[in-house]
Amino acid sequence: MIYTAIDNFYLTDEQLKDSASRKDGIDEATETTLRIYGCDLIQESGILLKLPQAVMATGQVLFHRFYCKRSFARFDVKMVAASSVWLASKLEESPRKARQVIIVFHRMECRREGLPIEHLDLFSKKFSELKMEMSRTERHILKEMGFVCHVEHPHKFISNYLATLETPLELRQEAWNLANDSLRTTLCVRFKSEVVACGVVYAAARRFQIPLPENPPWWKAFDAEKSGIDEVCRVLAHLYSLPKAKYIPVCKDGTSFTFSSKTVDSQPQSTPKEVPQSSPQANNHTTFPIEALVPINPESGGSKVKAALDRLKDSKKSDDESKSMPSDGEAREEPVQRPKSDHKTEASGERSKDRDRERDRERDRDRERDRERERRKSRDRDRGRDSDRERDRDETDKIKDRGYRSKDRMKDSGGHSEKSRHHSTRDRDYHSYSSSREKDRHRHY
């Protein structure tokens, strides 16, 4: 029984030899080839989807973990690889849509199998089936993982180890490449990331012939053993000795990302339609002589029989001539049958004409819309001008009213001033008269 934990999904060699694929009759070489093929699909699809390397590494680890519990004979390697990429993109916070993953795997399968790259219709039954199958496989992966999808990669340890050992930069790049290649093997489910990182650093140092400290051994500082490092180097050397992995159909319910167009296209080519021609067997009653059907007995009225035969021959000739005349006309009027390619070109030409007509209609509609907009704008402008004129008229009327009111006020103020002046002169006369009388009185007294 294989138990899963956050950092404890590791198997022994006996558990790997007794995997579910071996129980279904798949040998070790086939299983190794299919594992490498699935990891190649994950790496290539990640590049096409423009995903970071962490997503591709997580997808490959999930792929190996799933097939440690399930068999290649029951789950197709292509669909599991696609589901692993889709799940890993969400785990590493670089999500991609299911539509994008399916389109990429469809294109890769067409290119790998030498098929013409066809457009995958997003509204077709094939696409909906692929999408449902991929989501179903993703649920199977999560179920087998126990929804524990934590993955620790050896890449984060490589930089720290090489910085501690003070190695050159080219060694760091080589170790990084070896760590990426190690994900195609079962090292991620056999050893911890620290051990794989140490083995990768050791292999890179051996390739560049750079000495590492051995007294005391450098791997002791990183919690690794020499046996584990040697096993990592051996597995990597075996990986580089293998040929390029190819797809092996071992799954009972294999899923294809392409349409079965190869067989469909080959059927009309293998059985072309032939033009029906008149065979001699079908027209035996016209070519077979009538004399063979009518026995001639000279003793019983041979002359009558001969006359009847002559009449039949004349009527037969007239029938043949009447039949041959319309047949020739029909042959002249009948168009020559064209091959399928001509029909296809005609259909494509009609489609292009229909598209051009639709485009012309859209252009006419756009022009009408633009004209309507211009009309509305001109109407709004005219309305604005009318409103401005009305405002000007109102303002001029107000100004005139104000002028009339000011004139009336000025007239009113002018009348009052004249009255006040008249009263003031009267008062002055009265006061002068009273003062003169008082002076006269004083004089008399």
Protein backbone atom coordinates (compact mmCIF):
# COMPACT_ATOMS: atom_id res chain seq x y z
CA MET A 1 0.00 0.00 0.00
CA ILE A 2 1.34 3.46 -0.96
CA TYR A 3 0.56 6.25 1.46
CA THR A 4 0.67 9.91 0.50
CA ALA A 5 1.80 12.80 2.68
CA ILE A 6 3.11 16.28 2.11
CA ASP A 7 6.75 15.18 1.81
CA ASN A 8 6.45 11.39 1.93
CA PHE A 9 5.48 10.14 -1.54
CA TYR A 10 8.50 7.92 -2.08
CA LEU A 11 8.60 4.31 -3.24
CA THR A 12 11.07 1.49 -2.95
CA ASP A 13 12.45 -0.52 -5.86
CA GLU A 14 10.20 -3.48 -4.95
CA GLN A 15 7.09 -1.28 -5.07
CA LEU A 16 8.08 0.11 -8.45
CA LYS A 17 8.65 -3.40 -9.85
CA ASP A 18 5.21 -4.43 -8.57
CA SER A 19 3.35 -1.49 -10.13
CA ALA A 20 -0.15 -1.60 -11.57
CA SER A 21 1.20 -1.60 -15.13
CA ARG A 22 3.26 -4.73 -14.48
CA LYS A 23 0.17 -6.46 -13.15
CA ASP A 24 -1.60 -5.70 -16.43
CA GLY A 25 1.20 -7.35 -18.43
CA ILE A 26 3.25 -4.28 -19.42
CA ASP A 27 6.99 -4.91 -19.24
CA GLU A 28 9.58 -2.57 -17.77
CA ALA A 29 10.90 -1.28 -21.11
CA THR A 30 7.43 -0.33 -22.34
CA GLU A 31 6.60 1.39 -19.08
CA THR A 32 9.86 3.36 -19.16
CA THR A 33 9.24 4.40 -22.77
CA LEU A 34 5.70 5.57 -22.00
CA ARG A 35 6.89 7.53 -18.96
CA ILE A 36 9.52 9.33 -21.05
CA TYR A 37 6.97 9.93 -23.83
CA GLY A 38 4.46 11.47 -21.41
CA CYS A 39 7.10 13.72 -19.87
CA ASP A 40 8.19 14.84 -23.35
CA LEU A 41 4.57 15.79 -24.08
CA ILE A 42 4.35 17.77 -20.84
CA GLN A 43 7.61 19.62 -21.52
CA GLU A 44 6.73 20.46 -25.14
CA SER A 45 3.19 21.54 -24.31
CA GLY A 46 4.46 23.77 -21.52
CA ILE A 47 6.78 25.51 -23.96
CA LEU A 48 3.94 26.03 -26.45
CA LEU A 49 1.66 27.31 -23.69
CA LYS A 50 4.44 29.67 -22.49
CA LEU A 51 4.42 28.23 -18.98
CA PRO A 52 7.29 28.59 -16.49
CA GLN A 53 9.58 25.64 -15.86
CA ALA A 54 8.10 25.10 -12.40
CA VAL A 55 4.73 24.21 -13.96
CA MET A 56 6.29 21.65 -16.29
CA ALA A 57 8.31 20.12 -13.45
CA THR A 58 5.23 19.85 -11.22
CA GLY A 59 3.25 18.28 -14.06
CA GLN A 60 5.91 15.61 -14.64
CA VAL A 61 6.06 14.74 -10.93
CA LEU A 62 2.27 14.39 -10.79
CA PHE A 63 2.43 12.24 -13.92
CA HIS A 64 4.93 9.83 -12.33
CA ARG A 65 3.03 9.69 -9.05
CA PHE A 66 -0.23 8.85 -10.79
CA TYR A 67 1.24 5.96 -12.75
CA CYS A 68 2.78 4.57 -9.60
CA LYS A 69 -0.79 3.76 -8.56
CA ARG A 70 -2.57 3.33 -11.88
CA SER A 71 -1.80 1.34 -15.01
CA PHE A 72 -0.93 2.55 -18.48
CA ALA A 73 -3.39 -0.01 -19.82
CA ARG A 74 -6.37 1.73 -18.19
CA PHE A 75 -5.45 5.41 -18.53
CA ASP A 76 -4.11 6.78 -21.80
CA VAL A 77 -0.73 8.47 -21.48
CA LYS A 78 -1.72 11.43 -23.69
CA MET A 79 -4.80 12.33 -21.70
CA VAL A 80 -2.98 11.95 -18.37
CA ALA A 81 -0.17 14.20 -19.64
CA ALA A 82 -2.69 16.86 -20.71
CA SER A 83 -4.52 16.67 -17.37
CA SER A 84 -1.21 16.89 -15.49
CA VAL A 85 -0.26 20.08 -17.34
CA TRP A 86 -3.70 21.57 -16.73
CA LEU A 87 -3.61 20.72 -12.99
CA ALA A 88 0.00 21.86 -12.54
CA SER A 89 -0.73 25.22 -14.17
CA LYS A 90 -3.37 25.84 -11.52
CA LEU A 91 -1.17 24.61 -8.68
CA GLU A 92 1.71 26.90 -9.69
CA GLU A 93 -0.63 29.92 -10.13
CA SER A 94 -0.16 30.12 -13.90
CA PRO A 95 -3.55 28.79 -15.00
CA ARG A 96 -4.41 27.95 -18.59
CA LYS A 97 -7.84 27.23 -20.02
CA ALA A 98 -8.85 23.69 -20.96
CA ARG A 99 -9.43 24.91 -24.51
CA GLN A 100 -5.79 26.04 -24.81
CA VAL A 101 -4.41 22.74 -23.49
CA ILE A 102 -6.58 20.66 -25.85
CA ILE A 103 -5.64 22.74 -28.89
CA VAL A 104 -1.92 22.42 -28.09
CA PHE A 105 -2.09 18.63 -27.62
CA HIS A 106 -4.16 18.33 -30.81
CA ARG A 107 -1.48 20.19 -32.76
CA MET A 108 1.36 18.16 -31.20
CA GLU A 109 -0.31 14.85 -32.03
CA CYS A 110 -0.92 15.91 -35.64
CA ARG A 111 2.72 16.91 -36.01
CA ARG A 112 4.12 13.81 -34.29
CA GLU A 113 2.04 11.36 -36.33
CA GLY A 114 2.53 13.14 -39.64
CA LEU A 115 -1.13 14.09 -40.07
CA PRO A 116 -2.31 17.32 -41.71
CA ILE A 117 -2.90 19.96 -39.09
CA GLU A 118 -6.65 20.56 -39.06
CA HIS A 119 -8.68 23.16 -37.27
CA LEU A 120 -10.26 21.85 -34.08
CA ASP A 121 -13.81 23.15 -33.94
CA LEU A 122 -14.60 24.33 -30.42
CA PHE A 123 -18.29 23.57 -30.90
CA SER A 124 -17.83 20.05 -32.20
CA LYS A 125 -18.68 16.83 -30.41
CA LYS A 126 -15.00 15.79 -30.46
CA PHE A 127 -13.92 18.87 -28.51
CA SER A 128 -16.64 18.46 -25.88
CA GLU A 129 -15.69 14.81 -25.40
CA LEU A 130 -11.99 15.70 -25.00
CA LYS A 131 -12.82 18.40 -22.48
CA MET A 132 -14.99 16.07 -20.41
CA GLU A 133 -12.37 13.32 -20.54
CA MET A 134 -9.61 15.71 -19.43
CA SER A 135 -11.62 16.99 -16.47
CA ARG A 136 -12.48 13.41 -15.53
CA THR A 137 -8.80 12.40 -15.63
CA GLU A 138 -7.91 15.41 -13.50
CA ARG A 139 -10.35 14.21 -10.85
CA HIS A 140 -8.75 10.75 -10.98
CA ILE A 141 -5.30 12.31 -10.41
CA LEU A 142 -6.56 14.33 -7.43
CA LYS A 143 -8.27 11.26 -6.00
CA GLU A 144 -5.13 9.12 -6.24
CA MET A 145 -3.03 11.91 -4.72
CA GLY A 146 -5.49 12.30 -1.87
CA PHE A 147 -5.72 15.97 -2.91
CA VAL A 148 -2.15 16.37 -1.58
CA CYS A 149 -0.30 17.86 -4.54
CA HIS A 150 2.67 19.44 -2.79
CA VAL A 151 5.83 19.04 -4.87
CA GLU A 152 9.39 19.96 -3.91
CA HIS A 153 11.84 20.27 -6.79
CA PRO A 154 15.63 19.85 -6.66
CA HIS A 155 16.16 23.08 -8.58
CA LYS A 156 15.93 25.30 -5.52
CA PHE A 157 18.71 23.35 -3.79
CA ILE A 158 21.13 23.44 -6.73
CA SER A 159 21.86 27.18 -6.55
CA ASN A 160 22.46 27.04 -2.80
CA TYR A 161 24.71 23.99 -3.03
CA LEU A 162 26.83 25.39 -5.86
CA ALA A 163 27.09 28.79 -4.17
CA THR A 164 28.33 27.03 -1.01
CA LEU A 165 30.82 24.96 -3.00
CA GLU A 166 31.96 28.07 -4.96
CA THR A 167 31.72 26.48 -8.42
CA PRO A 168 31.75 28.29 -11.81
CA LEU A 169 28.59 29.37 -13.63
CA GLU A 170 28.79 26.78 -16.41
CA LEU A 171 28.59 24.04 -13.81
CA ARG A 172 25.42 25.61 -12.45
CA GLN A 173 23.78 25.62 -15.90
CA GLU A 174 24.77 22.00 -16.54
CA ALA A 175 23.38 20.90 -13.20
CA TRP A 176 20.13 22.73 -13.95
CA ASN A 177 19.80 20.91 -17.30
CA LEU A 178 20.43 17.54 -15.63
CA ALA A 179 17.76 18.33 -13.04
CA ASN A 180 15.26 18.98 -15.84
CA ASP A 181 16.19 15.67 -17.51
CA SER A 182 15.90 13.77 -14.23
CA LEU A 183 12.17 14.53 -14.22
CA ARG A 184 11.72 12.08 -17.11
CA THR A 185 12.75 9.24 -14.82
CA THR A 186 11.33 7.84 -11.59
CA LEU A 187 13.96 9.60 -9.45
CA CYS A 188 11.33 12.07 -8.20
CA VAL A 189 9.36 9.21 -6.57
CA ARG A 190 12.41 7.29 -5.28
CA PHE A 191 14.63 9.94 -3.67
CA LYS A 192 14.17 13.24 -1.92
CA SER A 193 14.93 16.47 -3.70
CA GLU A 194 18.13 17.01 -1.69
CA VAL A 195 19.55 13.66 -2.87
CA VAL A 196 18.61 14.32 -6.49
CA ALA A 197 20.22 17.78 -6.28
CA CYS A 198 23.45 16.31 -4.92
CA GLY A 199 23.50 13.62 -7.63
CA VAL A 200 22.97 16.23 -10.35
CA VAL A 201 25.77 18.43 -8.97
CA TYR A 202 28.09 15.42 -8.78
CA ALA A 203 27.31 14.38 -12.38
CA ALA A 204 27.85 17.93 -13.66
CA ALA A 205 31.17 18.20 -11.81
CA ARG A 206 32.32 14.88 -13.26
CA ARG A 207 31.40 16.02 -16.76
CA PHE A 208 33.41 19.27 -16.44
CA GLN A 209 36.12 17.54 -14.38
CA ILE A 210 35.83 19.98 -11.52
CA PRO A 211 37.02 18.55 -8.18
CA LEU A 212 34.71 18.77 -5.15
CA PRO A 213 35.81 18.48 -1.51
CA GLU A 214 35.84 14.87 -0.28
CA ASN A 215 37.59 15.15 3.09
CA PRO A 216 35.13 15.50 4.71
CA PRO A 217 32.67 14.50 1.96
CA TRP A 218 30.65 17.49 0.69
CA TRP A 219 27.39 15.52 0.40
CA LYS A 220 27.31 14.92 4.15
CA ALA A 221 26.61 18.62 4.65
CA PHE A 222 23.46 18.28 2.54
CA ASP A 223 21.99 15.13 4.15
CA ALA A 224 22.76 12.80 1.25
CA GLU A 225 24.40 9.41 0.89
CA LYS A 226 26.97 8.26 -1.63
CA SER A 227 24.82 5.29 -2.68
CA GLY A 228 21.92 7.59 -3.56
CA ILE A 229 24.21 9.89 -5.56
CA ASP A 230 25.61 6.92 -7.50
CA GLU A 231 22.09 5.66 -8.26
CA VAL A 232 21.06 9.10 -9.57
CA CYS A 233 24.10 9.18 -11.87
CA ARG A 234 23.40 5.63 -13.09
CA VAL A 235 19.74 6.43 -13.92
CA LEU A 236 20.74 9.58 -15.82
CA ALA A 237 23.36 7.67 -17.81
CA HIS A 238 20.76 5.01 -18.71
CA LEU A 239 18.32 7.75 -19.78
CA TYR A 240 20.85 9.23 -22.23
CA SER A 241 21.51 5.81 -23.74
CA LEU A 242 17.86 5.25 -24.70
CA PRO A 243 16.48 6.19 -28.14
CA LYS A 244 13.76 8.78 -28.64
CA ALA A 245 10.54 7.65 -27.00
CA LYS A 246 7.54 6.89 -29.21
CA TYR A 247 3.91 6.26 -28.44
CA ILE A 248 2.97 2.64 -27.78
CA PRO A 249 -0.79 1.93 -27.83
CA VAL A 250 -1.29 -0.21 -24.73
CA CYS A 251 -4.40 1.49 -23.34
CA LYS A 252 -7.69 -0.31 -23.90
CA ASP A 253 -9.63 2.94 -24.26
CA GLY A 254 -7.04 5.06 -26.02
CA THR A 255 -7.91 8.74 -26.46
CA SER A 256 -6.89 10.57 -29.60
CA PHE A 257 -6.70 14.35 -29.83
CA THR A 258 -7.09 14.21 -33.61
CA PHE A 259 -9.98 13.32 -35.86
CA SER A 260 -9.96 10.01 -37.69
CA SER A 261 -9.64 11.86 -40.97
CA LYS A 262 -6.96 9.58 -42.39
CA THR A 263 -9.33 6.64 -42.78
CA VAL A 264 -12.22 8.82 -43.86
CA ASP A 265 -10.19 10.45 -46.62
CA SER A 266 -8.84 7.12 -47.78
CA GLN A 267 -12.30 5.62 -48.32
CA PRO A 268 -13.37 7.76 -51.29
CA GLN A 269 -9.93 7.36 -52.83
CA SER A 270 -10.02 3.58 -52.57
CA THR A 271 -13.59 3.31 -53.94
CA PRO A 272 -14.00 6.06 -56.53
CA LYS A 273 -17.37 6.54 -58.13
CA GLU A 274 -17.49 5.28 -61.69
CA VAL A 275 -19.76 6.58 -64.39
CA PRO A 276 -22.40 3.90 -65.16
CA GLN A 277 -21.94 2.56 -68.64
CA SER A 278 -24.22 0.31 -70.66
CA SER A 279 -22.91 -3.21 -70.37
CA PRO A 280 -23.55 -5.78 -73.10
CA GLN A 281 -25.24 -8.09 -70.60
CA ALA A 282 -27.85 -5.49 -69.80
CA ASN A 283 -28.66 -4.95 -73.48
CA ASN A 284 -28.84 -8.58 -74.62
CA HIS A 285 -32.45 -8.22 -75.65
CA THR A 286 -31.50 -5.59 -78.25
CA THR A 287 -28.47 -7.36 -79.73
CA PHE A 288 -29.79 -10.90 -79.60
CA PRO A 289 -31.32 -11.81 -83.02
CA ILE A 290 -35.05 -12.14 -83.15
CA GLU A 291 -34.81 -15.02 -85.62
CA ALA A 292 -33.43 -17.24 -82.90
CA LEU A 293 -36.56 -16.70 -80.82
CA VAL A 294 -39.08 -17.36 -83.65
CA PRO A 295 -38.78 -20.79 -85.26
CA ILE A 296 -39.45 -20.72 -89.01
CA ASN A 297 -41.56 -23.53 -90.42
CA PRO A 298 -41.70 -23.31 -94.21
CA GLU A 299 -44.51 -25.82 -94.45
CA SER A 300 -46.93 -23.77 -92.33
CA GLY A 301 -47.07 -20.44 -94.00
CA GLY A 302 -43.45 -19.47 -94.41
CA SER A 303 -44.30 -16.42 -96.46
CA LYS A 304 -46.52 -15.03 -93.73
CA VAL A 305 -43.80 -15.56 -91.15
CA LYS A 306 -41.26 -13.84 -93.36
CA ALA A 307 -43.55 -10.87 -93.83
CA ALA A 308 -44.14 -10.67 -90.08
CA LEU A 309 -40.41 -10.85 -89.45
CA ASP A 310 -39.76 -8.05 -91.93
CA ARG A 311 -42.34 -5.90 -90.23
CA LEU A 312 -40.78 -6.57 -86.83
CA LYS A 313 -37.35 -5.71 -88.17
CA ASP A 314 -38.60 -2.42 -89.64
CA SER A 315 -40.35 -1.49 -86.41
CA LYS A 316 -37.18 -2.42 -84.45
CA LYS A 317 -35.05 -0.21 -86.68
CA SER A 318 -37.43 2.71 -86.27
CA ASP A 319 -37.43 2.21 -82.49
CA ASP A 320 -33.63 2.11 -82.39
CA GLU A 321 -33.42 5.29 -84.48
CA SER A 322 -35.95 7.07 -82.27
CA LYS A 323 -34.06 5.96 -79.17
CA SER A 324 -30.67 6.95 -80.56
CA MET A 325 -31.78 10.45 -81.48
CA PRO A 326 -32.81 11.67 -77.98
CA SER A 327 -29.91 9.83 -76.40
CA ASP A 328 -27.50 11.77 -78.60
CA GLY A 329 -29.28 14.99 -77.67
CA GLU A 330 -29.15 14.12 -74.03
CA ALA A 331 -25.49 13.28 -74.36
CA ARG A 332 -24.92 16.67 -75.91
CA GLU A 333 -26.94 18.44 -73.27
CA GLU A 334 -25.56 16.46 -70.34
CA PRO A 335 -22.56 18.17 -68.72
CA VAL A 336 -19.41 16.20 -68.27
CA GLN A 337 -19.03 14.94 -64.75
CA ARG A 338 -16.32 16.78 -62.95
CA PRO A 339 -13.99 15.39 -60.32
CA LYS A 340 -14.49 16.04 -56.64
CA SER A 341 -11.70 18.58 -56.54
CA ASP A 342 -13.63 20.79 -59.03
CA HIS A 343 -16.76 20.50 -56.91
CA LYS A 344 -14.74 21.43 -53.84
CA THR A 345 -13.22 24.42 -55.57
CA GLU A 346 -16.66 25.50 -56.76
CA ALA A 347 -18.05 25.09 -53.25
CA SER A 348 -15.14 27.05 -51.80
CA GLY A 349 -15.63 29.74 -54.46
CA GLU A 350 -19.33 29.98 -53.61
CA ARG A 351 -18.46 30.23 -49.93
CA SER A 352 -15.95 32.99 -50.63
CA LYS A 353 -18.58 34.81 -52.72
CA ASP A 354 -21.07 34.49 -49.88
CA ARG A 355 -18.48 35.83 -47.47
CA ASP A 356 -17.76 38.76 -49.79
CA ARG A 357 -21.48 39.48 -50.01
CA GLU A 358 -21.78 39.39 -46.25
CA ARG A 359 -18.83 41.73 -45.93
CA ASP A 360 -20.37 44.12 -48.46
CA ARG A 361 -23.63 44.05 -46.52
CA GLU A 362 -21.77 44.75 -43.29
CA ARG A 363 -19.97 47.65 -44.94
CA ASP A 364 -23.27 49.05 -46.22
CA ARG A 365 -24.74 48.74 -42.76
CA ASP A 366 -21.74 50.50 -41.25
CA ARG A 367 -22.06 53.28 -43.82
CA GLU A 368 -25.76 53.68 -43.04
CA ARG A 369 -24.96 53.83 -39.35
CA ASP A 370 -22.29 56.47 -39.95
CA ARG A 371 -24.70 58.49 -42.08
CA GLU A 372 -27.37 58.26 -39.38
CA ARG A 373 -24.86 59.41 -36.79
CA GLU A 374 -23.87 62.36 -38.96
CA ARG A 375 -27.53 63.27 -39.42
CA ARG A 376 -28.11 63.15 -35.69
CA LYS A 377 -25.05 65.27 -35.06
CA SER A 378 -26.20 67.86 -37.62
CA ARG A 379 -29.65 67.90 -36.06
CA ASP A 380 -28.13 68.41 -32.63
CA ARG A 381 -25.97 71.20 -34.01
CA ASP A 382 -28.99 72.90 -35.61
CA ARG A 383 -30.91 72.56 -32.41
CA GLY A 384 -27.99 74.05 -30.52
CA ARG A 385 -27.82 76.95 -32.94
CA ASP A 386 -31.57 77.59 -32.61
CA SER A 387 -31.27 77.50 -28.84
CA ASP A 388 -28.33 79.92 -28.98
CA ARG A 389 -30.34 82.28 -31.17
CA GLU A 390 -33.28 82.11 -28.79
CA ARG A 391 -30.96 82.85 -25.89
CA ASP A 392 -29.52 85.86 -27.74
CA ARG A 393 -33.01 87.12 -28.48
CA ASP A 394 -34.03 86.72 -24.84
CA GLU A 395 -30.93 88.56 -23.70
CA THR A 396 -31.56 91.41 -26.17
CA ASP A 397 -35.20 91.61 -25.04
CA LYS A 398 -34.09 91.73 -21.43
CA ILE A 399 -31.58 94.46 -22.19
CA LYS A 400 -34.27 96.47 -24.03
CA ASP A 401 -36.68 96.04 -21.10
CA ARG A 402 -34.02 97.21 -18.72
CA GLY A 403 -33.39 100.28 -20.94
CA TYR A 404 -37.11 101.14 -21.04
CA ARG A 405 -37.40 100.79 -17.27
CA SER A 406 -34.38 103.01 -16.68
CA LYS A 407 -35.86 105.67 -18.99
CA ASP A 408 -39.17 105.58 -17.10
CA ARG A 409 -37.36 105.93 -13.83
CA MET A 410 -35.38 108.84 -15.18
CA LYS A 411 -38.61 110.56 -16.28
CA ASP A 412 -40.19 109.99 -12.89
CA SER A 413 -37.15 111.28 -11.10
CA GLY A 414 -37.08 114.39 -13.39
CA GLY A 415 -40.73 115.41 -12.56
CA HIS A 416 -40.15 115.09 -8.85
CA SER A 417 -37.07 117.30 -9.05
CA GLU A 418 -38.98 120.05 -10.87
CA LYS A 419 -41.73 119.96 -8.23
CA SER A 420 -39.19 120.13 -5.47
CA ARG A 421 -37.53 123.10 -7.14
CA HIS A 422 -40.88 124.89 -7.47
CA HIS A 423 -41.66 124.32 -3.82
CA SER A 424 -38.24 125.48 -2.74
CA THR A 425 -38.63 128.80 -4.66
CA ARG A 426 -42.02 129.35 -3.06
CA ASP A 427 -40.57 128.77 0.38
CA ARG A 428 -37.76 131.19 -0.33
CA ASP A 429 -40.24 133.91 -1.44
CA TYR A 430 -42.40 133.36 1.60
CA HIS A 431 -39.45 133.59 3.98
CA SER A 432 -38.13 136.73 2.31
CA TYR A 433 -41.58 138.35 2.51
CA SER A 434 -41.99 137.49 6.21
CA SER A 435 -38.55 138.80 7.03
CA SER A 436 -39.20 142.12 5.25
CA ARG A 437 -42.46 142.63 7.19
CA GLU A 438 -40.70 142.01 10.47
CA LYS A 439 -38.09 144.61 9.60
CA ASP A 440 -40.81 147.16 8.77
CA ARG A 441 -42.47 146.55 12.12
CA HIS A 442 -39.27 147.18 13.96
CA ARG A 443 -38.80 150.39 12.12
CA HIS A 444 -42.25 151.77 13.12
CA TYR A 445 -41.82 150.87 16.72
